[in-house]
Amino acid sequence: MGGLRELVAPFVVTGPSGVAVRTRLKGLTPEDEEVLRLVGAHLGSLASRDLKARCMDGLEHSAESWAARKRELTGVSSSRWAGSVTKATHDQWALARRGQAAHIQGLEAGIRTIAHRLSLPVGAKGTRRVPGGYRSAQEWFHKTRRLRVLEDRLGRVRADRDAGRVRVVRGGRRLARTRHHLADAGLTEAEWRRRWEAGRWFFQADGESGKRFGNETIRVTPEGDVSIKLPAPLAHLANAAHGRYALATKVSFAHRGSEWADRVAAHRAVAYRIHHDTGRDRWYVTASWQIPPTPTVPLEAALAHGVIGVDTNADHLAAWRLDTHGNPCGEPRRYFYDLTGSAPHRDAQVRHALTRLLHWAKACGVKAVAVEDLDFHAEKTREKHGRRRRFRQLISGMPTGRLRARLNSMADRTGMTIIAVDPAYTSKWGAQHWQKPLTSTTRTTSRHDAASIAIGRRAQGHPIRRRTTPPPHDQSDRAGHRTVQAGPGTLGREETRPRIPGPRTRCVPPDAERTRATRASNTVRGARSDQEWVQDSLLLTD
């Protein structure tokens, strides 16, 4: 096993710690939509101003500066709106810092790879784990220039991180760049402007336990009435008491609606976010709250009824059920999804595939689903895969983060346990040991199906290979059994066939009465040793 990296032991994934549900604001009047636009634009300008001030503070940020920013925002909004804005600013700045650190790690990995390949002679062959030299002198020259570019870029990013500077675009950098490619995006300038302004609005409020219905800023009653605390400059638009604006619509949450109603009735904290979908011209409200994580089940208890191994791919999930001994049962299952189109469409595709997977697992009576603990952050660079552009696009299209979050949340609702395993060599070893034996005239086993078996066996603690090497001297059962799928004391374990009397083994007990005489052999070699062959005399005839 030399040259293989050390595998991480499988572990049970902890349950989600929060819930977010969304519904549509239907039946809004033109006045309601105008008030929502004014409030979102005003709070968005305050959020932009606060983010600029936070970025200017850099590493010198302190609690005093935070309090000063909050007091400044309170005069032009309210104390609760100011608290939501400053909290969102800090979260966005922290996210930018984490992205900056990940960018530095990616640049360092690319520089190490290029420097290593430049140090080798042109045309030098590599190994499976270490890349070789570049193919031609022209490629070697262009990579020297790219190395200088990456080193210069790394120096700038490190300087920004040491100084506490971050690069943040409210509304999204992708949407900002789309402004220069409107024809390719199929948008007009007016349509892009509406998306840009809506993306920079700020319309979210954190909840507070003990307050009426769990939120004083954006209030939703158990009956579905929605009212908003207007900022101070827009207080003249109020149509309810205490400077509030009540929308002429009622909302209801179809998913987890009973949980939301219980929290609201008990005056527990619920955070709300209102946003506008400019493509469909629809308004939505999202409610979120924290929940205590579900206690994790011990690994042995989760695997008591077998496991379902799932291999994640760019266009489908390959799943196979395994019994407690690690043997595949039944037929493989494939759950396809289409990851093209808009983000809501892609999310719905992943959600529908996971729903079918969990329903099948529940029907089989299995309580555990094994998945790979995938992270392609360091695997998508062109320095690592070179000209394999299609492969880089393939692994970039795998919804690892979204699928893991969705599966964890949906499995917690259905009572399933998610087991994460090390993804090393699952596809290679699964195809090597399981693809050919499970392929027949009526079933075509793909490489992904075999990988799902490898994932399930690794979760159970079994080796991926089907059996160990036969005994070294005569390859018989005299030196021990050749299977590793179960212990010696497990019933049903593959082993030498016992000599049990019966028609299957053709073994007759010693005290049984013989019903007919033994048939004599027709060959000399098969005759008994105590018999003597005698040649008869020739017949005499007249």
Protein backbone atom coordinates (compact mmCIF):
# COMPACT_ATOMS: atom_id res chain seq x y z
CA MET A 1 0.00 0.00 0.00
CA GLY A 2 3.00 2.30 -0.41
CA GLY A 3 2.25 5.67 -1.94
CA LEU A 4 -1.39 5.80 -0.81
CA ARG A 5 -2.45 8.58 1.45
CA GLU A 6 -3.89 7.88 4.87
CA LEU A 7 -7.68 7.57 4.85
CA VAL A 8 -9.89 9.46 7.26
CA ALA A 9 -12.28 7.35 9.31
CA PRO A 10 -16.01 7.69 8.48
CA PHE A 11 -18.07 9.87 10.77
CA VAL A 12 -21.71 10.77 11.37
CA VAL A 13 -22.63 14.23 10.08
CA THR A 14 -24.26 16.54 12.62
CA GLY A 15 -27.72 17.83 11.89
CA PRO A 16 -28.61 21.36 10.77
CA SER A 17 -28.73 24.19 13.29
CA GLY A 18 -31.10 26.51 11.44
CA VAL A 19 -34.23 26.56 9.28
CA ALA A 20 -35.20 28.89 6.42
CA VAL A 21 -38.57 28.84 4.63
CA ARG A 22 -39.83 31.12 1.89
CA THR A 23 -43.19 32.15 0.53
CA ARG A 24 -44.50 34.67 -1.96
CA LEU A 25 -46.11 37.98 -1.15
CA LYS A 26 -49.20 37.80 -3.34
CA GLY A 27 -51.80 40.47 -3.91
CA LEU A 28 -49.62 43.52 -3.23
CA THR A 29 -51.08 46.83 -4.26
CA PRO A 30 -49.04 49.40 -6.24
CA GLU A 31 -48.73 51.44 -3.03
CA ASP A 32 -47.32 48.42 -1.19
CA GLU A 33 -44.71 47.80 -3.87
CA GLU A 34 -43.70 51.46 -3.91
CA VAL A 35 -43.22 51.51 -0.14
CA LEU A 36 -41.17 48.31 -0.29
CA ARG A 37 -38.93 49.82 -2.98
CA LEU A 38 -38.41 53.02 -1.01
CA VAL A 39 -37.59 51.18 2.22
CA GLY A 40 -35.24 48.75 0.48
CA ALA A 41 -33.41 51.53 -1.39
CA HIS A 42 -33.04 53.69 1.73
CA LEU A 43 -31.73 50.85 3.88
CA GLY A 44 -29.49 49.72 1.02
CA SER A 45 -27.81 53.11 0.89
CA LEU A 46 -27.23 52.92 4.66
CA ALA A 47 -25.79 49.41 4.30
CA SER A 48 -23.40 50.58 1.58
CA ARG A 49 -22.25 53.48 3.72
CA ASP A 50 -21.75 51.24 6.75
CA LEU A 51 -19.81 48.65 4.73
CA LYS A 52 -17.50 51.36 3.44
CA ALA A 53 -16.84 52.56 6.97
CA ARG A 54 -16.17 48.99 8.15
CA CYS A 55 -13.73 48.35 5.30
CA MET A 56 -11.90 51.59 6.10
CA ASP A 57 -11.45 50.48 9.71
CA GLY A 58 -9.77 47.25 8.57
CA LEU A 59 -7.97 45.46 11.37
CA GLU A 60 -8.39 48.42 13.71
CA HIS A 61 -12.08 47.69 14.22
CA SER A 62 -13.25 47.76 17.83
CA ALA A 63 -16.45 47.70 19.84
CA GLU A 64 -16.32 51.50 20.18
CA SER A 65 -16.26 52.02 16.42
CA TRP A 66 -19.11 49.53 16.05
CA ALA A 67 -21.21 51.43 18.59
CA ALA A 68 -20.43 54.73 16.87
CA ARG A 69 -21.56 53.40 13.49
CA LYS A 70 -24.73 52.02 15.03
CA ARG A 71 -25.57 55.34 16.71
CA GLU A 72 -25.07 57.13 13.39
CA LEU A 73 -27.45 54.76 11.60
CA THR A 74 -30.07 54.89 14.35
CA GLY A 75 -30.86 58.55 13.65
CA VAL A 76 -31.75 57.87 10.00
CA SER A 77 -33.53 54.53 10.52
CA SER A 78 -34.20 52.96 13.94
CA SER A 79 -32.20 51.13 16.57
CA ARG A 80 -33.26 47.69 15.34
CA TRP A 81 -32.67 48.52 11.68
CA ALA A 82 -29.23 49.84 12.63
CA GLY A 83 -28.43 46.63 14.50
CA SER A 84 -29.44 44.49 11.50
CA VAL A 85 -27.37 46.62 9.10
CA THR A 86 -24.20 46.55 11.21
CA LYS A 87 -24.49 42.81 11.86
CA ALA A 88 -24.90 42.12 8.13
CA THR A 89 -21.88 44.34 7.46
CA HIS A 90 -19.69 42.37 9.84
CA ASP A 91 -20.84 39.06 8.34
CA GLN A 92 -20.05 40.29 4.83
CA TRP A 93 -16.61 41.55 5.85
CA ALA A 94 -15.81 38.22 7.55
CA LEU A 95 -16.96 36.31 4.46
CA ALA A 96 -14.68 38.45 2.29
CA ARG A 97 -11.75 37.69 4.60
CA ARG A 98 -12.40 33.93 4.33
CA GLY A 99 -12.58 34.19 0.57
CA GLN A 100 -9.34 36.16 0.58
CA ALA A 101 -7.59 33.43 2.57
CA ALA A 102 -8.90 30.75 0.20
CA HIS A 103 -7.66 32.80 -2.77
CA ILE A 104 -4.19 32.96 -1.25
CA GLN A 105 -4.15 29.19 -0.77
CA GLY A 106 -5.14 28.65 -4.38
CA LEU A 107 -2.44 31.00 -5.66
CA GLU A 108 0.20 29.31 -3.51
CA ALA A 109 -0.82 25.86 -4.80
CA GLY A 110 -0.63 27.05 -8.40
CA ILE A 111 2.77 28.63 -7.88
CA ARG A 112 4.16 25.44 -6.31
CA THR A 113 2.91 23.31 -9.20
CA ILE A 114 4.30 25.59 -11.91
CA ALA A 115 7.63 26.01 -10.14
CA HIS A 116 8.02 22.25 -9.80
CA ARG A 117 7.24 21.57 -13.45
CA LEU A 118 9.56 24.37 -14.61
CA SER A 119 12.40 22.80 -12.62
CA LEU A 120 12.13 19.57 -14.66
CA PRO A 121 13.53 19.10 -18.17
CA VAL A 122 11.18 19.69 -21.07
CA GLY A 123 9.31 16.49 -21.88
CA ALA A 124 10.14 14.76 -18.58
CA LYS A 125 7.52 12.18 -17.68
CA GLY A 126 5.65 12.40 -14.43
CA THR A 127 4.00 9.88 -12.17
CA ARG A 128 0.47 9.42 -10.94
CA ARG A 129 0.99 11.73 -7.99
CA VAL A 130 3.72 14.09 -9.24
CA PRO A 131 3.40 15.95 -12.58
CA GLY A 132 6.24 15.90 -15.05
CA GLY A 133 7.84 18.62 -17.13
CA TYR A 134 6.08 20.67 -19.79
CA ARG A 135 5.67 19.20 -23.25
CA SER A 136 7.47 21.82 -25.31
CA ALA A 137 9.78 24.79 -24.94
CA GLN A 138 6.96 27.12 -26.01
CA GLU A 139 4.72 25.90 -23.21
CA TRP A 140 7.64 26.17 -20.78
CA PHE A 141 8.12 29.80 -21.79
CA HIS A 142 4.45 30.73 -21.39
CA LYS A 143 4.36 29.08 -17.97
CA THR A 144 7.32 31.17 -16.83
CA ARG A 145 5.30 34.27 -17.66
CA ARG A 146 2.24 32.92 -15.87
CA LEU A 147 4.40 32.15 -12.83
CA ARG A 148 5.43 35.80 -12.65
CA VAL A 149 1.79 36.88 -12.98
CA LEU A 150 0.69 34.59 -10.14
CA GLU A 151 3.56 35.72 -7.92
CA ASP A 152 2.68 39.36 -8.50
CA ARG A 153 -1.00 38.64 -7.81
CA LEU A 154 -0.11 36.74 -4.65
CA GLY A 155 1.98 39.65 -3.42
CA ARG A 156 -0.91 42.08 -3.84
CA VAL A 157 -3.42 39.80 -2.13
CA ARG A 158 -1.06 39.18 0.79
CA ALA A 159 -0.50 42.92 1.17
CA ASP A 160 -4.26 43.47 1.24
CA ARG A 161 -4.73 40.79 3.86
CA ASP A 162 -1.95 42.12 6.07
CA ALA A 163 -3.46 45.61 5.84
CA GLY A 164 -7.03 44.37 6.45
CA ARG A 165 -8.32 45.43 3.02
CA VAL A 166 -11.08 43.42 1.37
CA ARG A 167 -12.75 43.68 -2.04
CA VAL A 168 -16.54 43.62 -1.71
CA VAL A 169 -19.18 44.51 -4.31
CA ARG A 170 -22.68 44.99 -2.96
CA GLY A 171 -25.02 43.45 -5.49
CA GLY A 172 -22.48 40.90 -6.69
CA ARG A 173 -19.33 41.12 -8.78
CA ARG A 174 -20.83 38.94 -11.49
CA LEU A 175 -23.77 41.28 -11.96
CA ALA A 176 -21.42 44.27 -11.99
CA ARG A 177 -19.36 42.70 -14.80
CA THR A 178 -22.51 41.84 -16.73
CA ARG A 179 -22.97 45.58 -17.31
CA HIS A 180 -20.18 45.42 -19.90
CA HIS A 181 -21.63 42.35 -21.67
CA LEU A 182 -25.35 43.09 -21.91
CA ALA A 183 -25.71 41.53 -25.38
CA ASP A 184 -24.22 38.22 -24.23
CA ALA A 185 -26.45 38.20 -21.15
CA GLY A 186 -29.58 39.04 -23.18
CA LEU A 187 -30.38 42.12 -21.11
CA THR A 188 -31.09 45.73 -21.87
CA GLU A 189 -29.58 48.53 -19.86
CA ALA A 190 -32.90 49.22 -18.13
CA GLU A 191 -33.33 45.55 -17.16
CA TRP A 192 -29.79 45.38 -15.84
CA ARG A 193 -30.34 48.58 -13.87
CA ARG A 194 -33.43 47.13 -12.18
CA ARG A 195 -31.52 43.98 -11.21
CA TRP A 196 -28.58 46.01 -9.96
CA GLU A 197 -30.72 48.27 -7.78
CA ALA A 198 -32.73 45.34 -6.40
CA GLY A 199 -29.54 43.44 -5.62
CA ARG A 200 -28.22 46.36 -3.55
CA TRP A 201 -31.38 46.79 -1.49
CA PHE A 202 -31.30 45.85 2.18
CA PHE A 203 -34.50 44.41 3.65
CA GLN A 204 -33.73 41.96 6.44
CA ALA A 205 -34.30 42.11 10.18
CA ASP A 206 -33.07 39.83 12.95
CA GLY A 207 -35.54 38.43 15.42
CA GLU A 208 -35.61 38.87 19.19
CA SER A 209 -37.13 36.44 21.67
CA GLY A 210 -39.64 37.94 24.07
CA LYS A 211 -40.82 40.59 21.63
CA ARG A 212 -44.22 40.47 20.02
CA PHE A 213 -44.33 37.63 17.45
CA GLY A 214 -40.54 37.32 17.63
CA ASN A 215 -39.66 40.38 15.57
CA GLU A 216 -40.44 44.05 16.09
CA THR A 217 -39.04 45.31 12.77
CA ILE A 218 -40.71 42.98 10.25
CA ARG A 219 -43.71 41.50 12.01
CA VAL A 220 -45.75 38.56 10.71
CA THR A 221 -48.69 37.49 12.84
CA PRO A 222 -49.94 33.88 13.10
CA GLU A 223 -52.85 34.92 10.90
CA GLY A 224 -50.40 36.00 8.14
CA ASP A 225 -50.60 39.80 8.47
CA VAL A 226 -47.31 41.52 7.52
CA SER A 227 -46.27 44.92 8.84
CA ILE A 228 -42.98 46.82 8.63
CA LYS A 229 -41.41 49.37 10.94
CA LEU A 230 -40.60 52.29 8.65
CA PRO A 231 -37.28 54.15 8.95
CA ALA A 232 -37.45 57.67 10.35
CA PRO A 233 -37.25 59.51 6.97
CA LEU A 234 -40.14 57.41 5.61
CA ALA A 235 -42.40 57.59 8.69
CA HIS A 236 -44.91 59.74 6.77
CA LEU A 237 -45.85 56.67 4.68
CA ALA A 238 -47.20 54.79 7.70
CA ASN A 239 -50.75 53.46 7.55
CA ALA A 240 -50.76 51.83 11.02
CA ALA A 241 -49.94 52.87 14.56
CA HIS A 242 -46.40 53.45 15.86
CA GLY A 243 -44.94 54.31 12.45
CA ARG A 244 -45.68 50.96 10.84
CA TYR A 245 -46.84 50.06 7.36
CA ALA A 246 -49.20 47.09 6.99
CA LEU A 247 -49.21 45.27 3.66
CA ALA A 248 -52.53 44.49 2.03
CA THR A 249 -51.81 40.76 1.85
CA LYS A 250 -51.59 37.67 4.00
CA VAL A 251 -48.82 35.07 3.89
CA SER A 252 -48.61 31.42 4.85
CA PHE A 253 -45.63 29.07 4.86
CA ALA A 254 -46.41 25.72 3.31
CA HIS A 255 -43.14 24.11 4.37
CA ARG A 256 -42.64 23.87 8.16
CA GLY A 257 -45.61 26.15 8.60
CA SER A 258 -46.62 24.57 11.89
CA GLU A 259 -43.14 25.09 13.37
CA TRP A 260 -43.15 28.72 12.30
CA ALA A 261 -46.64 29.27 13.76
CA ASP A 262 -45.59 27.75 17.09
CA ARG A 263 -42.54 30.03 17.32
CA VAL A 264 -44.52 33.13 16.43
CA ALA A 265 -47.28 32.30 18.91
CA ALA A 266 -44.66 31.76 21.64
CA HIS A 267 -42.93 35.09 20.77
CA ARG A 268 -39.64 33.37 19.92
CA ALA A 269 -37.05 34.96 17.63
CA VAL A 270 -37.71 34.72 13.88
CA ALA A 271 -35.64 36.61 11.30
CA TYR A 272 -37.26 37.83 8.08
CA ARG A 273 -35.90 38.90 4.71
CA ILE A 274 -37.90 40.48 1.88
CA HIS A 275 -36.48 40.52 -1.64
CA HIS A 276 -37.71 41.24 -5.15
CA ASP A 277 -37.25 38.87 -8.11
CA THR A 278 -36.94 41.30 -11.01
CA GLY A 279 -37.04 38.55 -13.64
CA ARG A 280 -40.51 37.40 -12.55
CA ASP A 281 -41.52 40.69 -10.93
CA ARG A 282 -42.44 38.91 -7.70
CA TRP A 283 -41.88 39.69 -4.02
CA TYR A 284 -40.86 37.02 -1.52
CA VAL A 285 -40.43 36.84 2.25
CA THR A 286 -38.06 34.37 3.91
CA ALA A 287 -38.38 33.36 7.56
CA SER A 288 -35.45 31.76 9.39
CA TRP A 289 -34.78 30.64 12.93
CA GLN A 290 -32.33 28.51 14.89
CA ILE A 291 -33.05 24.97 16.05
CA PRO A 292 -31.11 22.69 18.41
CA PRO A 293 -29.02 20.17 16.44
CA THR A 294 -30.38 16.65 16.44
CA PRO A 295 -28.30 14.30 18.66
CA THR A 296 -26.02 12.21 16.52
CA VAL A 297 -26.62 8.46 16.41
CA PRO A 298 -23.63 6.16 17.07
CA LEU A 299 -22.12 4.77 13.89
CA GLU A 300 -22.83 1.15 14.85
CA ALA A 301 -26.50 1.89 15.54
CA ALA A 302 -26.90 3.76 12.23
CA LEU A 303 -25.47 0.79 10.30
CA ALA A 304 -27.59 -1.83 12.06
CA HIS A 305 -29.95 -2.21 9.07
CA GLY A 306 -27.39 -1.76 6.30
CA VAL A 307 -26.49 1.36 4.39
CA ILE A 308 -27.08 3.04 1.04
CA GLY A 309 -23.92 4.21 -0.70
CA VAL A 310 -24.31 7.31 -2.88
CA ASP A 311 -21.83 8.48 -5.50
CA THR A 312 -22.18 12.14 -6.47
CA ASN A 313 -21.72 13.04 -10.14
CA ALA A 314 -22.21 16.07 -12.35
CA ASP A 315 -25.60 14.93 -13.67
CA HIS A 316 -26.91 12.18 -11.38
CA LEU A 317 -26.65 10.35 -8.07
CA ALA A 318 -25.68 6.67 -8.23
CA ALA A 319 -26.96 4.67 -5.25
CA TRP A 320 -26.85 1.03 -4.19
CA ARG A 321 -28.18 -0.67 -1.07
CA LEU A 322 -25.76 -2.79 0.99
CA ASP A 323 -26.64 -5.29 3.72
CA THR A 324 -24.89 -5.48 7.07
CA HIS A 325 -22.13 -7.66 5.59
CA GLY A 326 -21.33 -5.17 2.83
CA ASN A 327 -22.99 -7.12 0.01
CA PRO A 328 -24.99 -5.16 -2.62
CA CYS A 329 -28.70 -5.97 -2.60
CA GLY A 330 -31.20 -5.52 -5.38
CA GLU A 331 -30.58 -3.23 -8.33
CA PRO A 332 -28.66 0.07 -8.47
CA ARG A 333 -30.60 3.30 -8.55
CA ARG A 334 -29.78 6.48 -10.47
CA TYR A 335 -31.36 9.85 -9.74
CA PHE A 336 -30.72 12.36 -12.51
CA TYR A 337 -30.78 16.16 -12.33
CA ASP A 338 -30.13 19.00 -14.75
CA LEU A 339 -27.82 21.74 -13.45
CA THR A 340 -28.34 24.17 -16.31
CA GLY A 341 -30.43 27.30 -16.08
CA SER A 342 -31.14 29.61 -13.19
CA ALA A 343 -30.14 29.03 -9.58
CA PRO A 344 -33.71 28.25 -8.39
CA HIS A 345 -34.02 25.65 -11.14
CA ARG A 346 -30.74 23.99 -10.18
CA ASP A 347 -31.72 23.98 -6.52
CA ALA A 348 -35.08 22.41 -7.35
CA GLN A 349 -33.39 19.70 -9.42
CA VAL A 350 -31.08 18.76 -6.55
CA ARG A 351 -33.96 18.83 -4.07
CA HIS A 352 -36.14 16.52 -6.21
CA ALA A 353 -33.29 14.02 -6.68
CA LEU A 354 -32.62 13.91 -2.94
CA THR A 355 -36.32 13.50 -2.21
CA ARG A 356 -36.51 10.40 -4.41
CA LEU A 357 -33.33 9.03 -2.83
CA LEU A 358 -34.59 9.44 0.74
CA HIS A 359 -38.00 7.98 -0.09
CA TRP A 360 -36.31 4.88 -1.52
CA ALA A 361 -34.05 4.57 1.54
CA LYS A 362 -37.07 4.80 3.83
CA ALA A 363 -38.93 2.14 1.83
CA CYS A 364 -35.92 -0.20 2.12
CA GLY A 365 -35.87 0.17 5.90
CA VAL A 366 -32.33 1.58 5.89
CA LYS A 367 -31.45 4.28 8.42
CA ALA A 368 -28.09 5.45 7.03
CA VAL A 369 -26.90 7.05 3.79
CA ALA A 370 -23.17 7.15 3.05
CA VAL A 371 -21.78 9.99 0.91
CA GLU A 372 -18.31 11.23 0.06
CA ASP A 373 -16.87 14.17 1.96
CA LEU A 374 -16.01 16.03 -1.26
CA ASP A 375 -14.18 19.34 -1.47
CA PHE A 376 -12.99 20.40 -4.92
CA HIS A 377 -11.53 23.74 -3.83
CA ALA A 378 -7.95 22.71 -4.63
CA GLU A 379 -8.87 20.47 -7.57
CA LYS A 380 -10.22 23.00 -10.07
CA THR A 381 -7.08 24.95 -10.99
CA ARG A 382 -5.68 24.69 -14.48
CA GLU A 383 -2.19 24.35 -13.00
CA LYS A 384 -3.22 20.97 -11.58
CA HIS A 385 -5.09 19.57 -14.58
CA GLY A 386 -3.47 21.53 -17.41
CA ARG A 387 -5.27 21.07 -20.73
CA ARG A 388 -8.05 18.96 -19.22
CA ARG A 389 -10.55 21.77 -19.50
CA ARG A 390 -13.56 19.48 -19.83
CA PHE A 391 -12.56 17.71 -16.62
CA ARG A 392 -12.18 21.02 -14.77
CA GLN A 393 -15.63 22.06 -15.93
CA LEU A 394 -16.98 18.67 -14.84
CA ILE A 395 -15.78 18.88 -11.26
CA SER A 396 -16.73 22.56 -11.08
CA GLY A 397 -20.30 21.65 -12.01
CA MET A 398 -20.73 19.13 -9.20
CA PRO A 399 -23.09 20.64 -6.59
CA THR A 400 -21.08 19.43 -3.63
CA GLY A 401 -21.82 22.28 -1.22
CA ARG A 402 -25.49 22.70 -2.09
CA LEU A 403 -26.09 18.94 -2.19
CA ARG A 404 -24.41 18.38 1.18
CA ALA A 405 -26.46 21.11 2.85
CA ARG A 406 -29.71 19.95 1.25
CA LEU A 407 -29.11 16.29 2.06
CA ASN A 408 -28.24 17.06 5.66
CA SER A 409 -31.39 19.12 6.19
CA MET A 410 -33.75 16.74 4.38
CA ALA A 411 -32.30 13.64 6.03
CA ASP A 412 -32.78 15.21 9.45
CA ARG A 413 -36.47 15.65 8.70
CA THR A 414 -36.91 12.02 7.59
CA GLY A 415 -34.91 10.48 10.44
CA MET A 416 -32.00 9.38 8.25
CA THR A 417 -28.36 9.45 9.35
CA ILE A 418 -25.72 10.83 6.98
CA ILE A 419 -22.29 9.19 7.12
CA ALA A 420 -19.38 10.99 5.45
CA VAL A 421 -16.46 8.92 4.17
CA ASP A 422 -13.09 9.71 2.67
CA PRO A 423 -13.48 9.98 -1.14
CA ALA A 424 -9.99 8.66 -1.91
CA TYR A 425 -9.87 5.87 -4.53
CA THR A 426 -13.59 5.03 -4.31
CA SER A 427 -14.19 5.27 -8.07
CA LYS A 428 -10.98 3.46 -8.99
CA TRP A 429 -11.22 0.61 -6.50
CA GLY A 430 -14.98 0.25 -6.93
CA ALA A 431 -14.60 -0.23 -10.68
CA GLN A 432 -11.66 -2.60 -10.14
CA HIS A 433 -13.40 -4.95 -7.71
CA TRP A 434 -17.16 -4.59 -8.31
CA GLN A 435 -17.99 -3.38 -11.80
CA LYS A 436 -17.23 -6.55 -13.75
CA PRO A 437 -18.67 -9.11 -11.26
CA LEU A 438 -21.98 -7.23 -11.07
CA THR A 439 -22.37 -6.82 -14.84
CA SER A 440 -24.63 -9.37 -16.52
CA THR A 441 -26.70 -9.75 -19.65
CA THR A 442 -29.65 -8.05 -17.94
CA ARG A 443 -27.77 -5.40 -15.94
CA THR A 444 -25.12 -2.90 -16.95
CA THR A 445 -23.10 -1.76 -13.96
CA SER A 446 -21.45 1.61 -14.47
CA ARG A 447 -18.32 2.89 -12.84
CA HIS A 448 -20.45 5.18 -10.68
CA ASP A 449 -22.59 2.27 -9.46
CA ALA A 450 -19.46 0.41 -8.42
CA ALA A 451 -18.21 3.54 -6.65
CA SER A 452 -21.42 3.68 -4.60
CA ILE A 453 -20.68 0.15 -3.33
CA ALA A 454 -17.15 1.23 -2.38
CA ILE A 455 -18.55 4.23 -0.50
CA GLY A 456 -21.05 2.09 1.42
CA ARG A 457 -18.44 -0.54 2.34
CA ARG A 458 -16.03 2.13 3.55
CA ALA A 459 -18.77 3.55 5.77
CA GLN A 460 -19.32 0.08 7.25
CA GLY A 461 -15.61 -0.38 7.92
CA HIS A 462 -15.16 -3.16 5.33
CA PRO A 463 -12.34 -3.14 2.77
CA ILE A 464 -13.50 -2.22 -0.70
CA ARG A 465 -12.10 -5.35 -2.36
CA ARG A 466 -14.42 -8.35 -2.50
CA ARG A 467 -12.06 -10.86 -0.81
CA THR A 468 -8.51 -11.17 0.42
CA THR A 469 -5.67 -12.95 -1.36
CA PRO A 470 -5.98 -16.77 -1.32
CA PRO A 471 -3.67 -18.73 1.01
CA PRO A 472 -0.08 -18.61 -0.23
CA HIS A 473 0.88 -22.30 -0.27
CA ASP A 474 -1.92 -24.21 -1.95
CA GLN A 475 -4.78 -21.65 -2.15
CA SER A 476 -7.20 -23.82 -0.17
CA ASP A 477 -9.22 -23.29 2.95
CA ARG A 478 -6.63 -25.09 5.09
CA ALA A 479 -4.85 -21.82 5.92
CA GLY A 480 -8.01 -19.87 6.66
CA HIS A 481 -11.04 -18.43 4.96
CA ARG A 482 -10.65 -16.14 1.99
CA THR A 483 -13.39 -13.63 2.74
CA VAL A 484 -13.23 -10.44 4.82
CA GLN A 485 -16.86 -9.41 4.60
CA ALA A 486 -17.81 -10.77 8.02
CA GLY A 487 -16.29 -12.33 11.11
CA PRO A 488 -15.82 -16.09 11.56
CA GLY A 489 -18.78 -16.33 13.92
CA THR A 490 -21.29 -14.55 11.67
CA LEU A 491 -24.08 -16.72 10.29
CA GLY A 492 -24.31 -16.80 6.53
CA ARG A 493 -20.63 -16.08 6.10
CA GLU A 494 -19.00 -17.45 2.97
CA GLU A 495 -16.86 -20.41 4.00
CA THR A 496 -16.14 -24.04 3.23
CA ARG A 497 -19.29 -26.08 2.73
CA PRO A 498 -20.11 -28.21 5.80
CA ARG A 499 -20.75 -31.92 5.32
CA ILE A 500 -24.39 -31.95 6.33
CA PRO A 501 -26.39 -35.01 5.24
CA GLY A 502 -28.82 -34.18 2.54
CA PRO A 503 -29.37 -34.11 -1.20
CA ARG A 504 -27.44 -30.84 -1.63
CA THR A 505 -24.10 -32.21 -0.38
CA ARG A 506 -24.83 -35.85 -1.36
CA CYS A 507 -23.51 -37.03 2.00
CA VAL A 508 -25.19 -40.09 3.53
CA PRO A 509 -25.07 -40.69 7.29
CA PRO A 510 -23.10 -43.77 8.37
CA ASP A 511 -26.09 -45.56 9.95
CA ALA A 512 -28.34 -45.23 6.94
CA GLU A 513 -29.54 -48.42 5.28
CA ARG A 514 -28.56 -48.92 1.67
CA THR A 515 -31.61 -49.17 -0.57
CA ARG A 516 -29.84 -50.59 -3.58
CA ALA A 517 -26.59 -52.22 -4.45
CA THR A 518 -23.66 -50.21 -5.61
CA ARG A 519 -23.36 -50.18 -9.33
CA ALA A 520 -20.21 -51.80 -10.65
CA SER A 521 -17.75 -49.66 -12.48
CA ASN A 522 -17.51 -49.84 -16.24
CA THR A 523 -13.80 -49.05 -16.34
CA VAL A 524 -10.72 -50.81 -15.06
CA ARG A 525 -9.47 -47.69 -13.31
CA GLY A 526 -12.74 -47.32 -11.43
CA ALA A 527 -12.92 -50.87 -10.22
CA ARG A 528 -12.32 -51.85 -6.60
CA SER A 529 -8.85 -53.00 -5.62
CA ASP A 530 -10.06 -56.30 -4.09
CA GLN A 531 -11.58 -57.49 -7.33
CA GLU A 532 -9.68 -59.86 -9.66
CA TRP A 533 -10.16 -59.88 -13.38
CA VAL A 534 -10.29 -63.37 -14.99
CA GLN A 535 -10.22 -64.11 -18.71
CA ASP A 536 -12.92 -66.62 -19.73
CA SER A 537 -12.01 -69.48 -22.07
CA LEU A 538 -12.94 -69.30 -25.69
CA LEU A 539 -16.14 -70.99 -26.76
CA LEU A 540 -15.71 -74.19 -28.80
CA THR A 541 -18.06 -74.70 -31.69
CA ASP A 542 -18.50 -77.43 -34.17
